[in-house]
């Protein structure tokens, strides 16, 4: 699945952005928080999407049946 590869690449890029923000000594803690909040929200969504796609890849739904992803998720 190409989408899994794209999501993994996006997660790596987000990790790099978070690390660069943390290492920037010119920014105050408040500025770092303001920059990192949307990045971490994106990471959470991408991580859940990656987990869902991986589950569906390993457990493909049968035709004309619901995929059952809601049973798989814990939250």
Protein backbone atom coordinates (compact mmCIF):
# COMPACT_ATOMS: atom_id res chain seq x y z
CA UNK A 1 0.00 0.00 0.00
CA UNK A 2 1.48 3.30 -1.10
CA UNK A 3 -0.56 5.20 1.49
CA UNK A 4 1.30 3.44 4.32
CA UNK A 5 4.62 4.55 2.83
CA UNK A 6 3.39 8.15 2.53
CA UNK A 7 2.18 8.20 6.12
CA UNK A 8 5.47 6.76 7.39
CA UNK A 9 7.37 9.46 5.49
CA UNK A 10 5.09 12.16 6.90
CA UNK A 11 5.64 10.84 10.43
CA UNK A 12 9.42 10.96 9.95
CA UNK A 13 9.15 14.52 8.70
CA UNK A 14 7.01 15.51 11.70
CA UNK A 15 9.54 13.93 14.05
CA UNK A 16 12.27 16.02 12.43
CA UNK A 17 10.20 19.19 12.84
CA UNK A 18 9.51 18.41 16.50
CA UNK A 19 13.19 17.71 17.16
CA UNK A 20 14.25 20.92 15.40
CA UNK A 21 11.76 22.91 17.46
CA UNK A 22 12.96 21.36 20.70
CA UNK A 23 16.59 22.07 19.89
CA UNK A 24 16.00 25.72 18.90
CA UNK A 25 17.38 27.63 21.87
CA UNK A 26 16.09 30.96 20.50
CA UNK A 27 12.49 29.99 21.23
CA UNK A 28 10.88 30.31 24.64
CA UNK A 29 9.02 27.38 26.14
CA UNK A 30 5.70 29.11 25.36
CA UNK A 31 6.69 29.51 21.70
CA UNK A 32 7.78 25.88 21.52
CA UNK A 33 4.44 24.78 22.99
CA UNK A 34 2.54 26.88 20.45
CA UNK A 35 4.54 25.41 17.56
CA UNK A 36 4.47 21.82 18.78
CA UNK A 37 0.76 21.48 19.64
CA UNK A 38 -0.44 21.29 16.01
CA UNK A 39 2.52 19.08 15.09
CA UNK A 40 1.71 16.60 17.83
CA UNK A 41 -1.99 16.63 16.88
CA UNK A 42 -1.01 15.81 13.30
CA UNK A 43 1.25 13.05 14.54
CA UNK A 44 -1.56 11.53 16.59
CA UNK A 45 -3.91 11.48 13.58
CA UNK A 46 -1.25 10.08 11.25
CA UNK A 47 -0.25 7.41 13.78
CA UNK A 48 -3.86 6.27 14.18
CA UNK A 49 -4.32 6.24 10.40
CA UNK A 50 -1.15 4.19 9.96
CA UNK A 51 -2.31 1.75 12.62
CA UNK A 52 -5.74 1.42 10.97
CA UNK A 53 -4.29 0.91 7.48
CA UNK A 54 -1.82 -1.66 8.77
CA UNK A 55 -4.66 -3.53 10.48
CA UNK A 56 -6.76 -3.47 7.31
CA UNK A 57 -3.81 -4.64 5.23
CA UNK A 58 -3.26 -7.60 7.56
CA UNK A 59 -7.00 -8.31 8.00
CA UNK A 60 -8.78 -7.37 4.76
CA UNK A 61 -12.57 -7.23 5.04
CA UNK A 62 -14.67 -9.73 3.16
CA UNK A 63 -16.78 -8.34 0.31
CA UNK A 64 -20.03 -6.62 1.34
CA UNK A 65 -19.09 -6.74 5.01
CA UNK A 66 -18.10 -3.92 7.36
CA UNK A 67 -14.35 -3.73 7.92
CA UNK A 68 -14.64 -4.06 11.70
CA UNK A 69 -12.00 -1.41 12.44
CA UNK A 70 -14.09 0.01 15.29
CA UNK A 71 -13.77 -3.31 17.14
CA UNK A 72 -10.00 -3.16 16.75
CA UNK A 73 -9.54 0.32 18.22
CA UNK A 74 -9.19 0.64 21.95
CA UNK A 75 -10.22 4.31 22.27
